[in-house]
N, C-alpha and C. Protein backbone atom coordinates (compact mmCIF):
# COMPACT_ATOMS: atom_id res chain seq x y z
N THR A 1 0.85 -1.18 0.02
CA THR A 1 -0.03 0.03 0.00
C THR A 1 0.85 1.25 0.01
N LYS A 2 0.41 2.21 -0.68
CA LYS A 2 1.17 3.53 -0.78
C LYS A 2 0.74 4.43 0.32
N GLN A 3 1.76 5.04 0.99
CA GLN A 3 1.47 5.98 2.10
C GLN A 3 1.61 7.39 1.57
N GLU A 4 0.69 8.28 1.96
CA GLU A 4 0.71 9.66 1.58
C GLU A 4 1.33 10.45 2.74
N PHE A 5 2.26 11.33 2.43
CA PHE A 5 2.89 12.20 3.47
C PHE A 5 2.55 13.65 3.26
N GLY A 6 1.60 13.96 2.43
CA GLY A 6 1.25 15.33 2.19
C GLY A 6 2.01 15.86 0.96
N THR A 7 1.80 17.11 0.67
CA THR A 7 2.43 17.74 -0.47
C THR A 7 3.59 18.64 0.06
N PHE A 8 4.61 18.73 -0.75
CA PHE A 8 5.75 19.60 -0.43
C PHE A 8 6.40 20.03 -1.72
N THR A 9 7.19 21.09 -1.58
CA THR A 9 7.92 21.58 -2.75
C THR A 9 9.41 21.35 -2.43
N CYS A 10 10.13 20.82 -3.39
CA CYS A 10 11.54 20.53 -3.23
C CYS A 10 12.33 21.34 -4.22
N SER A 11 13.40 21.99 -3.73
CA SER A 11 14.32 22.73 -4.61
C SER A 11 15.72 22.60 -4.09
N ARG A 12 16.69 22.98 -4.92
CA ARG A 12 18.10 22.84 -4.50
C ARG A 12 18.50 23.72 -3.28
N ASP A 13 17.77 24.78 -3.11
CA ASP A 13 18.09 25.66 -1.92
C ASP A 13 17.41 25.23 -0.66
N LYS A 14 16.75 24.10 -0.69
CA LYS A 14 16.03 23.59 0.48
C LYS A 14 16.50 22.17 0.86
N VAL A 15 17.81 22.00 0.79
CA VAL A 15 18.39 20.65 1.10
C VAL A 15 19.15 20.70 2.44
N ALA A 16 19.15 19.61 3.06
CA ALA A 16 19.85 19.51 4.39
C ALA A 16 21.39 19.49 4.19
N GLY A 17 22.08 19.98 5.18
CA GLY A 17 23.52 19.95 5.17
C GLY A 17 24.02 19.75 6.57
N VAL A 18 25.33 19.43 6.74
CA VAL A 18 25.88 19.15 8.00
C VAL A 18 27.40 19.46 7.98
N VAL A 19 27.91 19.92 9.09
CA VAL A 19 29.34 20.01 9.30
C VAL A 19 29.67 19.16 10.49
N CYS A 20 30.41 18.10 10.25
CA CYS A 20 30.81 17.19 11.33
C CYS A 20 32.06 17.73 11.99
N GLN A 21 32.19 17.58 13.27
CA GLN A 21 33.35 18.01 13.99
C GLN A 21 34.45 16.95 13.90
N ASP A 22 35.66 17.34 13.84
CA ASP A 22 36.76 16.43 13.69
C ASP A 22 37.23 15.85 15.07
N ALA A 23 36.69 16.37 16.13
CA ALA A 23 37.05 15.93 17.53
C ALA A 23 38.55 15.98 17.69
N CYS A 24 39.20 17.05 17.20
CA CYS A 24 40.59 17.22 17.42
C CYS A 24 40.79 18.08 18.65
N GLU A 25 42.00 18.07 19.20
CA GLU A 25 42.29 18.84 20.43
C GLU A 25 42.67 20.24 20.01
N GLU A 26 42.00 21.19 20.66
CA GLU A 26 42.25 22.63 20.38
C GLU A 26 43.69 23.00 20.39
N GLY A 27 44.17 23.57 19.28
CA GLY A 27 45.55 24.05 19.17
C GLY A 27 46.54 22.99 18.72
N THR A 28 46.08 21.77 18.50
CA THR A 28 46.98 20.70 18.04
C THR A 28 47.35 20.96 16.56
N THR A 29 48.57 20.63 16.22
CA THR A 29 49.09 20.86 14.88
C THR A 29 49.43 19.49 14.24
N ARG A 30 49.24 19.39 12.92
CA ARG A 30 49.69 18.18 12.19
C ARG A 30 50.10 18.55 10.74
N LEU A 31 50.81 17.63 10.13
CA LEU A 31 51.21 17.76 8.75
C LEU A 31 50.44 16.77 7.91
N VAL A 32 49.95 17.18 6.76
CA VAL A 32 49.18 16.28 5.86
C VAL A 32 49.65 16.40 4.45
N GLY A 33 49.60 15.36 3.69
CA GLY A 33 49.89 15.40 2.26
C GLY A 33 51.34 15.22 1.89
N GLY A 34 52.22 15.03 2.81
CA GLY A 34 53.62 14.78 2.48
C GLY A 34 53.93 13.34 2.27
N ARG A 35 55.07 13.06 1.63
CA ARG A 35 55.47 11.67 1.44
C ARG A 35 56.01 11.03 2.73
N GLU A 36 56.56 11.89 3.58
CA GLU A 36 57.09 11.44 4.91
C GLU A 36 56.36 12.14 6.00
N ASP A 37 56.42 11.62 7.23
CA ASP A 37 55.81 12.23 8.40
C ASP A 37 56.36 13.58 8.69
N THR A 38 57.60 13.89 8.19
CA THR A 38 58.29 15.13 8.55
C THR A 38 57.95 16.24 7.56
N GLU A 39 57.02 16.08 6.63
CA GLU A 39 56.68 17.13 5.68
C GLU A 39 55.20 17.15 5.41
N GLY A 40 54.69 18.27 4.95
CA GLY A 40 53.34 18.35 4.57
C GLY A 40 52.69 19.78 4.79
N THR A 41 51.45 19.84 4.40
CA THR A 41 50.68 21.07 4.63
C THR A 41 50.38 21.17 6.14
N VAL A 42 50.56 22.33 6.69
CA VAL A 42 50.34 22.52 8.14
C VAL A 42 48.83 22.71 8.39
N GLU A 43 48.31 21.90 9.30
CA GLU A 43 46.90 22.09 9.75
C GLU A 43 46.93 22.25 11.28
N ILE A 44 46.02 23.06 11.74
CA ILE A 44 45.89 23.31 13.19
C ILE A 44 44.43 23.19 13.54
N CYS A 45 44.15 22.70 14.74
CA CYS A 45 42.77 22.50 15.17
C CYS A 45 42.27 23.70 16.02
N TYR A 46 41.17 24.24 15.56
CA TYR A 46 40.42 25.24 16.30
C TYR A 46 38.93 25.01 16.05
N PHE A 47 38.11 25.26 17.02
CA PHE A 47 36.65 25.03 16.90
C PHE A 47 36.31 23.60 16.61
N ASN A 48 37.18 22.65 17.00
CA ASN A 48 37.00 21.22 16.70
C ASN A 48 37.07 20.92 15.21
N LEU A 49 37.74 21.77 14.49
CA LEU A 49 37.90 21.56 13.03
C LEU A 49 39.41 21.75 12.68
N TRP A 50 39.87 20.84 11.84
CA TRP A 50 41.21 20.99 11.29
C TRP A 50 41.13 22.11 10.23
N GLY A 51 42.06 23.02 10.26
CA GLY A 51 42.08 24.14 9.35
C GLY A 51 43.53 24.42 8.95
N LEU A 52 43.64 25.38 8.06
CA LEU A 52 44.89 25.70 7.39
C LEU A 52 45.56 26.94 7.93
N VAL A 53 46.81 27.17 7.52
CA VAL A 53 47.62 28.32 7.92
C VAL A 53 47.93 29.06 6.64
N SER A 54 47.55 30.33 6.52
CA SER A 54 47.93 31.12 5.37
C SER A 54 49.41 31.39 5.40
N VAL A 55 50.01 31.54 4.23
CA VAL A 55 51.44 31.78 4.16
C VAL A 55 51.82 33.22 4.40
N THR A 56 50.87 34.10 4.61
CA THR A 56 51.15 35.48 4.91
C THR A 56 52.01 35.57 6.16
N GLY A 57 53.27 36.01 5.98
CA GLY A 57 54.18 36.11 7.16
C GLY A 57 54.90 34.83 7.49
N TRP A 58 54.57 33.70 6.87
CA TRP A 58 55.15 32.38 7.20
C TRP A 58 56.62 32.32 6.88
N ASN A 59 57.46 31.83 7.75
CA ASN A 59 58.89 31.72 7.48
C ASN A 59 59.51 30.51 8.22
N ASP A 60 60.85 30.37 8.08
CA ASP A 60 61.51 29.21 8.67
C ASP A 60 61.37 29.17 10.18
N THR A 61 61.31 30.27 10.85
CA THR A 61 61.18 30.28 12.32
C THR A 61 59.79 29.65 12.71
N ASP A 62 58.79 30.03 11.98
CA ASP A 62 57.47 29.44 12.21
C ASP A 62 57.48 27.92 11.96
N ALA A 63 58.17 27.52 10.86
CA ALA A 63 58.28 26.09 10.57
C ALA A 63 59.03 25.36 11.64
N SER A 64 60.07 25.98 12.25
CA SER A 64 60.86 25.34 13.32
C SER A 64 59.99 25.03 14.54
N VAL A 65 59.03 25.89 14.82
CA VAL A 65 58.13 25.69 15.95
C VAL A 65 57.22 24.52 15.68
N VAL A 66 56.72 24.40 14.44
CA VAL A 66 55.91 23.23 14.10
C VAL A 66 56.69 21.98 14.20
N CYS A 67 57.94 21.94 13.67
CA CYS A 67 58.76 20.74 13.76
C CYS A 67 58.97 20.36 15.24
N TYR A 68 59.30 21.34 16.08
CA TYR A 68 59.52 21.04 17.51
C TYR A 68 58.27 20.48 18.16
N GLU A 69 57.14 21.09 17.86
CA GLU A 69 55.87 20.62 18.44
C GLU A 69 55.59 19.14 18.05
N LEU A 70 56.00 18.78 16.88
CA LEU A 70 55.72 17.40 16.39
C LEU A 70 56.79 16.42 16.76
N GLY A 71 57.78 16.90 17.54
CA GLY A 71 58.80 15.97 18.05
C GLY A 71 60.08 15.92 17.22
N TYR A 72 60.24 16.84 16.28
CA TYR A 72 61.43 16.87 15.46
C TYR A 72 62.29 18.06 15.85
N SER A 73 63.51 18.11 15.31
CA SER A 73 64.45 19.17 15.62
C SER A 73 64.02 20.48 15.00
N ARG A 74 64.29 21.56 15.75
CA ARG A 74 64.03 22.90 15.20
C ARG A 74 65.04 23.25 14.11
N ASP A 75 66.24 22.63 14.24
CA ASP A 75 67.35 22.96 13.31
C ASP A 75 67.00 22.47 11.93
N GLY A 76 67.25 23.34 10.96
CA GLY A 76 67.07 22.95 9.57
C GLY A 76 65.66 22.97 9.03
N ALA A 77 64.69 23.45 9.85
CA ALA A 77 63.31 23.50 9.41
C ALA A 77 63.18 24.48 8.21
N VAL A 78 62.50 24.04 7.18
CA VAL A 78 62.31 24.85 5.97
C VAL A 78 60.85 25.16 5.76
N SER A 79 60.52 26.44 5.53
CA SER A 79 59.15 26.79 5.27
C SER A 79 58.92 26.83 3.77
N PHE A 80 57.68 26.53 3.34
CA PHE A 80 57.31 26.69 1.97
C PHE A 80 56.09 27.54 1.92
N VAL A 81 55.93 28.36 0.89
CA VAL A 81 54.82 29.32 0.79
C VAL A 81 54.03 29.21 -0.45
N ASP A 82 54.05 27.98 -1.03
CA ASP A 82 53.39 27.79 -2.35
C ASP A 82 52.44 26.63 -2.35
N SER A 83 51.84 26.28 -1.20
CA SER A 83 50.92 25.14 -1.06
C SER A 83 51.56 23.90 -1.68
N ARG A 84 52.83 23.71 -1.49
CA ARG A 84 53.62 22.61 -2.06
C ARG A 84 53.01 21.27 -1.86
N TYR A 85 52.43 21.03 -0.66
CA TYR A 85 51.92 19.70 -0.32
C TYR A 85 50.40 19.59 -0.49
N GLY A 86 49.87 20.50 -1.24
CA GLY A 86 48.38 20.52 -1.49
C GLY A 86 47.73 21.50 -0.64
N LYS A 87 46.47 21.72 -1.03
CA LYS A 87 45.61 22.70 -0.34
C LYS A 87 44.27 22.04 -0.04
N PRO A 88 44.19 21.31 1.07
CA PRO A 88 42.94 20.61 1.40
C PRO A 88 41.81 21.62 1.47
N ASN A 89 40.63 21.20 1.05
CA ASN A 89 39.40 22.03 1.03
C ASN A 89 38.91 22.21 2.50
N LYS A 90 39.58 23.11 3.22
CA LYS A 90 39.22 23.37 4.64
C LYS A 90 39.28 24.85 4.86
N THR A 91 38.78 25.24 6.00
CA THR A 91 38.80 26.66 6.38
C THR A 91 40.26 27.09 6.71
N VAL A 92 40.54 28.36 6.62
CA VAL A 92 41.82 28.89 7.00
C VAL A 92 41.68 29.45 8.43
N HIS A 93 42.49 28.89 9.35
CA HIS A 93 42.36 29.28 10.76
C HIS A 93 43.32 30.42 11.15
N LEU A 94 44.53 30.43 10.55
CA LEU A 94 45.56 31.41 11.01
C LEU A 94 46.17 32.11 9.81
N SER A 95 46.53 33.38 10.04
CA SER A 95 47.26 34.16 9.08
C SER A 95 48.25 35.06 9.85
N ASN A 96 49.23 35.58 9.18
CA ASN A 96 50.24 36.44 9.78
C ASN A 96 50.86 35.82 11.06
N VAL A 97 51.23 34.55 10.92
CA VAL A 97 51.89 33.85 12.06
C VAL A 97 53.26 34.54 12.28
N ALA A 98 53.57 34.76 13.50
CA ALA A 98 54.85 35.42 13.87
C ALA A 98 55.43 34.75 15.13
N CYS A 99 56.14 33.62 14.96
CA CYS A 99 56.80 32.93 16.02
C CYS A 99 58.14 33.56 16.31
N ASN A 100 58.58 33.54 17.54
CA ASN A 100 59.96 34.04 17.79
C ASN A 100 60.98 32.90 17.83
N GLY A 101 60.49 31.63 17.75
CA GLY A 101 61.38 30.49 17.70
C GLY A 101 61.51 29.78 19.01
N SER A 102 61.04 30.32 20.10
CA SER A 102 61.19 29.63 21.40
C SER A 102 59.88 28.98 21.83
N GLU A 103 58.83 29.14 21.13
CA GLU A 103 57.52 28.55 21.47
C GLU A 103 57.57 27.03 21.36
N SER A 104 56.79 26.38 22.17
CA SER A 104 56.68 24.90 22.15
C SER A 104 55.62 24.43 21.19
N SER A 105 54.72 25.37 20.74
CA SER A 105 53.64 24.99 19.87
C SER A 105 53.21 26.17 19.01
N LEU A 106 52.72 25.93 17.89
CA LEU A 106 52.25 26.96 16.95
C LEU A 106 51.11 27.78 17.63
N LYS A 107 50.33 27.16 18.49
CA LYS A 107 49.25 27.90 19.11
C LYS A 107 49.73 28.96 20.04
N ASN A 108 51.05 28.92 20.42
CA ASN A 108 51.64 29.96 21.33
C ASN A 108 52.26 31.14 20.55
N CYS A 109 52.26 31.05 19.24
CA CYS A 109 52.83 32.13 18.41
C CYS A 109 51.77 33.21 18.19
N ASP A 110 52.27 34.45 18.00
CA ASP A 110 51.34 35.54 17.61
C ASP A 110 50.81 35.17 16.23
N ALA A 111 49.54 35.43 16.00
CA ALA A 111 48.89 35.18 14.73
C ALA A 111 47.54 35.82 14.71
N ALA A 112 47.01 36.07 13.52
CA ALA A 112 45.64 36.49 13.33
C ALA A 112 44.80 35.23 13.24
N HIS A 113 43.83 35.12 14.19
CA HIS A 113 42.93 33.99 14.20
C HIS A 113 41.70 34.32 13.37
N ILE A 114 41.36 33.47 12.45
CA ILE A 114 40.24 33.70 11.53
C ILE A 114 39.07 32.79 11.89
N PRO A 115 37.89 33.36 12.11
CA PRO A 115 36.74 32.49 12.37
C PRO A 115 36.42 31.55 11.20
N PRO A 116 35.88 30.35 11.48
CA PRO A 116 35.71 29.39 10.43
C PRO A 116 34.96 29.85 9.17
N ASP A 117 33.86 30.62 9.37
CA ASP A 117 33.13 31.09 8.17
C ASP A 117 33.96 32.05 7.30
N GLU A 118 34.67 32.96 7.98
CA GLU A 118 35.52 33.88 7.24
C GLU A 118 36.71 33.14 6.63
N GLY A 119 37.23 32.11 7.30
CA GLY A 119 38.34 31.32 6.75
C GLY A 119 37.92 30.57 5.52
N ARG A 120 36.68 30.17 5.45
CA ARG A 120 36.22 29.50 4.19
C ARG A 120 36.13 30.52 3.03
N GLU A 121 35.75 31.77 3.36
CA GLU A 121 35.67 32.78 2.32
C GLU A 121 37.02 33.16 1.77
N VAL A 122 38.06 33.18 2.59
CA VAL A 122 39.41 33.57 2.08
C VAL A 122 40.17 32.42 1.47
N TYR A 123 39.66 31.19 1.62
CA TYR A 123 40.38 30.00 1.18
C TYR A 123 40.82 30.10 -0.26
N MET A 124 39.97 30.57 -1.15
CA MET A 124 40.31 30.62 -2.62
C MET A 124 41.44 31.66 -2.89
N HIS A 125 41.66 32.58 -1.98
CA HIS A 125 42.58 33.70 -2.28
C HIS A 125 43.93 33.58 -1.58
N VAL A 126 44.18 32.48 -0.90
CA VAL A 126 45.49 32.40 -0.19
C VAL A 126 46.24 31.09 -0.55
N GLU A 127 47.52 31.17 -0.38
CA GLU A 127 48.33 29.95 -0.45
C GLU A 127 48.45 29.50 1.03
N VAL A 128 48.71 28.21 1.23
CA VAL A 128 48.82 27.68 2.57
C VAL A 128 50.19 27.11 2.88
N ALA A 129 50.55 27.14 4.18
CA ALA A 129 51.86 26.65 4.60
C ALA A 129 51.90 25.13 4.62
């Protein structure tokens, strides 16, 4: 038997959507997309979402802090500013990162924090670290 559920109008602007949380720890940093564990696109967790770091202001000192945080040596850290390891389709969380080199984590460096919605808007216009 056929059940009737009433009448309704369906259009593309009336569809359900969802953003699932990554359940990552706030301020945690990781590298993705590299061939080795020691290389990759920098991602940082804010708002329970993995996001990206804009290359604006990004340099070797900032890279050395990421390496140290991940358990590697600060010495010889090299920064890239050309999305070398890919640009995952994620929000941009940080811009204008300015580490002094003594921080134990990227989250302790000075930086402009970008809200997730705004970070999605700037995504197309930035290169990532």
